[in-house]
Amino acid sequence: MKNEKAKHTPGPWVIYAGNEGKPVIHSPEYEKNAGGGIIGIAVLQTVGEESQRQANAALIAAAPELMNACQMAVNEMPGNEQGQKIASMLRAAIAKAEGK
């Protein structure tokens, strides 16, 4: 894996309660650099229970850390069949996250 600069808003991402109880994912670091205010990365508009919206928001907010962990782990997989299977799954997840 190449160590490229991320094209997404850098993490950490956090959740705050937006309008009508819809969770908003944002980056506090980006806000400092942008002169304040809430800069939303995503607003969960999903229909469903509040617990489902919160669970989805938590998963999205964890994305930068999950991406970093996947990028680090893919190079540490053992060369055996199971390790290569896991590395392949990690590469596929990374590619999906990068929009490839």
N, C-alpha and C. Protein backbone atom coordinates (compact mmCIF):
# COMPACT_ATOMS: atom_id res chain seq x y z
N MET A 1 0.83 -1.18 0.00
CA MET A 1 0.00 0.00 0.00
C MET A 1 0.88 1.25 0.00
N LYS A 2 0.55 2.16 -0.89
CA LYS A 2 1.24 3.43 -0.90
C LYS A 2 0.76 4.26 0.28
N ASN A 3 1.65 5.05 0.83
CA ASN A 3 1.28 5.94 1.91
C ASN A 3 0.93 7.30 1.32
N GLU A 4 -0.30 7.43 0.82
CA GLU A 4 -0.75 8.65 0.19
C GLU A 4 -1.49 9.50 1.20
N LYS A 5 -1.47 10.80 0.94
CA LYS A 5 -2.23 11.70 1.78
C LYS A 5 -3.72 11.45 1.55
N ALA A 6 -4.48 11.36 2.63
CA ALA A 6 -5.90 11.09 2.53
C ALA A 6 -6.61 12.21 1.77
N LYS A 7 -7.59 11.84 0.97
CA LYS A 7 -8.38 12.82 0.23
C LYS A 7 -9.64 13.18 0.98
N HIS A 8 -9.91 12.49 2.08
CA HIS A 8 -11.10 12.77 2.88
C HIS A 8 -10.73 13.73 4.01
N THR A 9 -11.75 14.24 4.68
CA THR A 9 -11.53 15.09 5.85
C THR A 9 -10.81 14.27 6.91
N PRO A 10 -9.70 14.77 7.41
CA PRO A 10 -8.95 13.98 8.40
C PRO A 10 -9.76 13.76 9.68
N GLY A 11 -9.50 12.63 10.32
CA GLY A 11 -10.14 12.31 11.60
C GLY A 11 -9.43 13.02 12.73
N PRO A 12 -9.89 12.90 13.92
CA PRO A 12 -11.04 12.10 14.30
C PRO A 12 -12.35 12.77 13.87
N TRP A 13 -13.36 11.96 13.67
CA TRP A 13 -14.70 12.47 13.41
C TRP A 13 -15.53 12.21 14.66
N VAL A 14 -16.41 13.13 14.97
CA VAL A 14 -17.27 12.99 16.14
C VAL A 14 -18.72 13.22 15.74
N ILE A 15 -19.61 12.88 16.65
CA ILE A 15 -21.05 12.98 16.39
C ILE A 15 -21.65 14.05 17.31
N TYR A 16 -22.53 14.85 16.75
CA TYR A 16 -23.33 15.71 17.61
C TYR A 16 -24.77 15.63 17.13
N ALA A 17 -25.70 16.00 18.02
CA ALA A 17 -27.11 15.92 17.69
C ALA A 17 -27.47 17.10 16.80
N GLY A 18 -27.90 16.80 15.61
CA GLY A 18 -28.29 17.84 14.66
C GLY A 18 -29.76 18.16 14.77
N ASN A 19 -30.27 18.83 13.75
CA ASN A 19 -31.68 19.20 13.70
C ASN A 19 -32.56 17.95 13.68
N GLU A 20 -33.69 18.05 14.36
CA GLU A 20 -34.68 16.97 14.39
C GLU A 20 -34.09 15.65 14.88
N GLY A 21 -33.05 15.70 15.70
CA GLY A 21 -32.45 14.50 16.25
C GLY A 21 -31.64 13.68 15.27
N LYS A 22 -31.33 14.25 14.10
CA LYS A 22 -30.54 13.53 13.10
C LYS A 22 -29.07 13.74 13.40
N PRO A 23 -28.33 12.66 13.67
CA PRO A 23 -26.91 12.79 14.01
C PRO A 23 -26.11 13.41 12.87
N VAL A 24 -25.17 14.27 13.24
CA VAL A 24 -24.26 14.90 12.27
C VAL A 24 -22.84 14.48 12.64
N ILE A 25 -22.09 14.01 11.66
CA ILE A 25 -20.69 13.64 11.87
C ILE A 25 -19.86 14.82 11.41
N HIS A 26 -18.92 15.24 12.24
CA HIS A 26 -18.08 16.38 11.86
C HIS A 26 -16.67 16.19 12.39
N SER A 27 -15.78 17.08 11.96
CA SER A 27 -14.38 17.03 12.36
C SER A 27 -14.02 18.28 13.16
N PRO A 28 -13.78 18.13 14.46
CA PRO A 28 -13.38 19.28 15.27
C PRO A 28 -12.09 19.91 14.77
N GLU A 29 -11.14 19.11 14.29
CA GLU A 29 -9.87 19.64 13.79
C GLU A 29 -10.10 20.52 12.57
N TYR A 30 -10.98 20.09 11.68
CA TYR A 30 -11.28 20.87 10.49
C TYR A 30 -11.93 22.19 10.87
N GLU A 31 -12.79 22.15 11.87
CA GLU A 31 -13.46 23.37 12.32
C GLU A 31 -12.45 24.40 12.79
N LYS A 32 -11.42 23.96 13.53
CA LYS A 32 -10.40 24.91 14.00
C LYS A 32 -9.72 25.59 12.83
N ASN A 33 -9.42 24.81 11.79
CA ASN A 33 -8.73 25.35 10.63
C ASN A 33 -9.65 26.18 9.73
N ALA A 34 -10.96 25.95 9.83
CA ALA A 34 -11.91 26.64 8.96
C ALA A 34 -12.50 27.87 9.63
N GLY A 35 -12.03 28.20 10.81
CA GLY A 35 -12.51 29.40 11.48
C GLY A 35 -13.74 29.22 12.33
N GLY A 36 -14.01 28.02 12.77
CA GLY A 36 -15.13 27.78 13.68
C GLY A 36 -16.37 27.32 12.96
N GLY A 37 -17.41 27.05 13.75
CA GLY A 37 -18.65 26.55 13.18
C GLY A 37 -18.59 25.05 12.97
N ILE A 38 -19.74 24.47 12.83
CA ILE A 38 -19.81 23.02 12.61
C ILE A 38 -19.73 22.75 11.11
N ILE A 39 -18.74 22.00 10.72
CA ILE A 39 -18.57 21.60 9.33
C ILE A 39 -19.01 20.13 9.26
N GLY A 40 -20.16 19.89 8.69
CA GLY A 40 -20.69 18.53 8.64
C GLY A 40 -20.02 17.69 7.57
N ILE A 41 -19.68 16.47 7.92
CA ILE A 41 -19.17 15.49 6.97
C ILE A 41 -20.36 14.68 6.45
N ALA A 42 -21.28 14.34 7.36
CA ALA A 42 -22.46 13.57 6.98
C ALA A 42 -23.58 13.88 7.96
N VAL A 43 -24.80 13.89 7.45
CA VAL A 43 -25.99 14.02 8.26
C VAL A 43 -26.81 12.77 8.00
N LEU A 44 -27.16 12.05 9.04
CA LEU A 44 -27.92 10.81 8.87
C LEU A 44 -29.40 11.12 8.75
N GLN A 45 -29.91 10.92 7.55
CA GLN A 45 -31.31 11.19 7.24
C GLN A 45 -32.13 9.92 7.23
N THR A 46 -31.55 8.83 7.69
CA THR A 46 -32.21 7.53 7.57
C THR A 46 -33.53 7.47 8.32
N VAL A 47 -34.43 6.73 7.75
CA VAL A 47 -35.69 6.46 8.41
C VAL A 47 -35.44 5.28 9.33
N GLY A 48 -36.00 5.32 10.48
CA GLY A 48 -35.83 4.21 11.41
C GLY A 48 -35.71 4.72 12.83
N GLU A 49 -35.40 3.78 13.68
CA GLU A 49 -35.29 4.08 15.10
C GLU A 49 -34.07 4.95 15.38
N GLU A 50 -34.16 5.75 16.42
CA GLU A 50 -33.03 6.59 16.82
C GLU A 50 -31.80 5.74 17.10
N SER A 51 -31.99 4.57 17.70
CA SER A 51 -30.85 3.70 18.02
C SER A 51 -30.13 3.27 16.74
N GLN A 52 -30.89 3.05 15.66
CA GLN A 52 -30.28 2.68 14.38
C GLN A 52 -29.49 3.86 13.81
N ARG A 53 -30.05 5.06 13.88
CA ARG A 53 -29.33 6.25 13.40
C ARG A 53 -28.04 6.45 14.19
N GLN A 54 -28.12 6.27 15.51
CA GLN A 54 -26.93 6.44 16.35
C GLN A 54 -25.87 5.39 16.02
N ALA A 55 -26.30 4.15 15.79
CA ALA A 55 -25.36 3.08 15.44
C ALA A 55 -24.69 3.38 14.10
N ASN A 56 -25.47 3.85 13.12
CA ASN A 56 -24.90 4.21 11.82
C ASN A 56 -23.92 5.38 11.96
N ALA A 57 -24.29 6.35 12.77
CA ALA A 57 -23.41 7.51 13.00
C ALA A 57 -22.10 7.08 13.64
N ALA A 58 -22.17 6.17 14.61
CA ALA A 58 -20.96 5.68 15.27
C ALA A 58 -20.05 4.97 14.28
N LEU A 59 -20.62 4.18 13.39
CA LEU A 59 -19.83 3.48 12.38
C LEU A 59 -19.15 4.47 11.43
N ILE A 60 -19.90 5.46 10.98
CA ILE A 60 -19.32 6.47 10.08
C ILE A 60 -18.24 7.27 10.79
N ALA A 61 -18.49 7.66 12.03
CA ALA A 61 -17.50 8.45 12.78
C ALA A 61 -16.21 7.68 13.00
N ALA A 62 -16.28 6.36 13.04
CA ALA A 62 -15.09 5.52 13.24
C ALA A 62 -14.30 5.31 11.95
N ALA A 63 -14.82 5.76 10.81
CA ALA A 63 -14.21 5.48 9.51
C ALA A 63 -12.73 5.85 9.41
N PRO A 64 -12.29 7.03 9.84
CA PRO A 64 -10.86 7.34 9.70
C PRO A 64 -9.97 6.36 10.46
N GLU A 65 -10.37 5.99 11.68
CA GLU A 65 -9.58 5.05 12.46
C GLU A 65 -9.60 3.66 11.85
N LEU A 66 -10.77 3.25 11.34
CA LEU A 66 -10.87 1.94 10.69
C LEU A 66 -10.01 1.88 9.44
N MET A 67 -10.00 2.96 8.66
CA MET A 67 -9.19 3.02 7.44
C MET A 67 -7.71 2.90 7.80
N ASN A 68 -7.29 3.64 8.79
CA ASN A 68 -5.89 3.59 9.21
C ASN A 68 -5.51 2.19 9.68
N ALA A 69 -6.38 1.56 10.46
CA ALA A 69 -6.11 0.21 10.95
C ALA A 69 -6.01 -0.78 9.79
N CYS A 70 -6.91 -0.66 8.83
CA CYS A 70 -6.86 -1.56 7.66
C CYS A 70 -5.57 -1.37 6.88
N GLN A 71 -5.19 -0.12 6.66
CA GLN A 71 -3.96 0.16 5.91
C GLN A 71 -2.74 -0.40 6.61
N MET A 72 -2.71 -0.32 7.92
CA MET A 72 -1.58 -0.86 8.67
C MET A 72 -1.60 -2.39 8.68
N ALA A 73 -2.77 -2.97 8.86
CA ALA A 73 -2.88 -4.42 8.99
C ALA A 73 -2.61 -5.16 7.70
N VAL A 74 -2.97 -4.58 6.56
CA VAL A 74 -2.83 -5.29 5.29
C VAL A 74 -1.37 -5.68 5.03
N ASN A 75 -0.45 -4.88 5.50
CA ASN A 75 0.97 -5.17 5.29
C ASN A 75 1.55 -6.11 6.34
N GLU A 76 0.79 -6.42 7.37
CA GLU A 76 1.27 -7.26 8.46
C GLU A 76 0.70 -8.67 8.42
N MET A 77 -0.12 -8.96 7.43
CA MET A 77 -0.72 -10.29 7.35
C MET A 77 0.34 -11.32 7.00
N PRO A 78 0.26 -12.49 7.64
CA PRO A 78 1.22 -13.54 7.32
C PRO A 78 1.01 -14.04 5.88
N GLY A 79 2.02 -14.66 5.33
CA GLY A 79 1.98 -15.12 3.96
C GLY A 79 1.19 -16.40 3.74
N ASN A 80 0.63 -16.97 4.81
CA ASN A 80 -0.14 -18.21 4.64
C ASN A 80 -1.49 -17.92 3.97
N GLU A 81 -2.21 -18.97 3.66
CA GLU A 81 -3.48 -18.83 2.92
C GLU A 81 -4.49 -17.96 3.67
N GLN A 82 -4.63 -18.17 4.96
CA GLN A 82 -5.57 -17.38 5.76
C GLN A 82 -5.16 -15.91 5.81
N GLY A 83 -3.87 -15.65 6.00
CA GLY A 83 -3.38 -14.28 6.03
C GLY A 83 -3.61 -13.57 4.71
N GLN A 84 -3.40 -14.27 3.61
CA GLN A 84 -3.61 -13.67 2.29
C GLN A 84 -5.09 -13.42 2.02
N LYS A 85 -5.94 -14.30 2.54
CA LYS A 85 -7.39 -14.10 2.39
C LYS A 85 -7.81 -12.83 3.13
N ILE A 86 -7.31 -12.67 4.34
CA ILE A 86 -7.63 -11.48 5.14
C ILE A 86 -7.06 -10.23 4.47
N ALA A 87 -5.83 -10.30 3.97
CA ALA A 87 -5.23 -9.16 3.28
C ALA A 87 -6.05 -8.76 2.06
N SER A 88 -6.56 -9.74 1.34
CA SER A 88 -7.40 -9.47 0.18
C SER A 88 -8.68 -8.75 0.58
N MET A 89 -9.28 -9.19 1.69
CA MET A 89 -10.49 -8.54 2.19
C MET A 89 -10.20 -7.10 2.62
N LEU A 90 -9.06 -6.90 3.27
CA LEU A 90 -8.67 -5.55 3.68
C LEU A 90 -8.45 -4.65 2.47
N ARG A 91 -7.76 -5.16 1.45
CA ARG A 91 -7.54 -4.36 0.24
C ARG A 91 -8.86 -3.99 -0.43
N ALA A 92 -9.81 -4.92 -0.45
CA ALA A 92 -11.12 -4.64 -1.04
C ALA A 92 -11.86 -3.56 -0.25
N ALA A 93 -11.79 -3.63 1.07
CA ALA A 93 -12.44 -2.62 1.91
C ALA A 93 -11.79 -1.25 1.72
N ILE A 94 -10.47 -1.22 1.63
CA ILE A 94 -9.75 0.04 1.40
C ILE A 94 -10.15 0.63 0.05
N ALA A 95 -10.16 -0.20 -0.98
CA ALA A 95 -10.54 0.26 -2.32
C ALA A 95 -11.96 0.83 -2.32
N LYS A 96 -12.86 0.16 -1.64
CA LYS A 96 -14.25 0.64 -1.55
C LYS A 96 -14.30 1.99 -0.85
N ALA A 97 -13.56 2.12 0.23
CA ALA A 97 -13.52 3.38 0.98
C ALA A 97 -12.93 4.51 0.15
N GLU A 98 -12.01 4.16 -0.76
CA GLU A 98 -11.38 5.16 -1.62
C GLU A 98 -12.18 5.42 -2.90
N GLY A 99 -13.32 4.75 -3.04
CA GLY A 99 -14.16 4.95 -4.21
C GLY A 99 -13.64 4.31 -5.47
N LYS A 100 -12.85 3.26 -5.33
CA LYS A 100 -12.27 2.58 -6.49
C LYS A 100 -13.06 1.36 -6.86
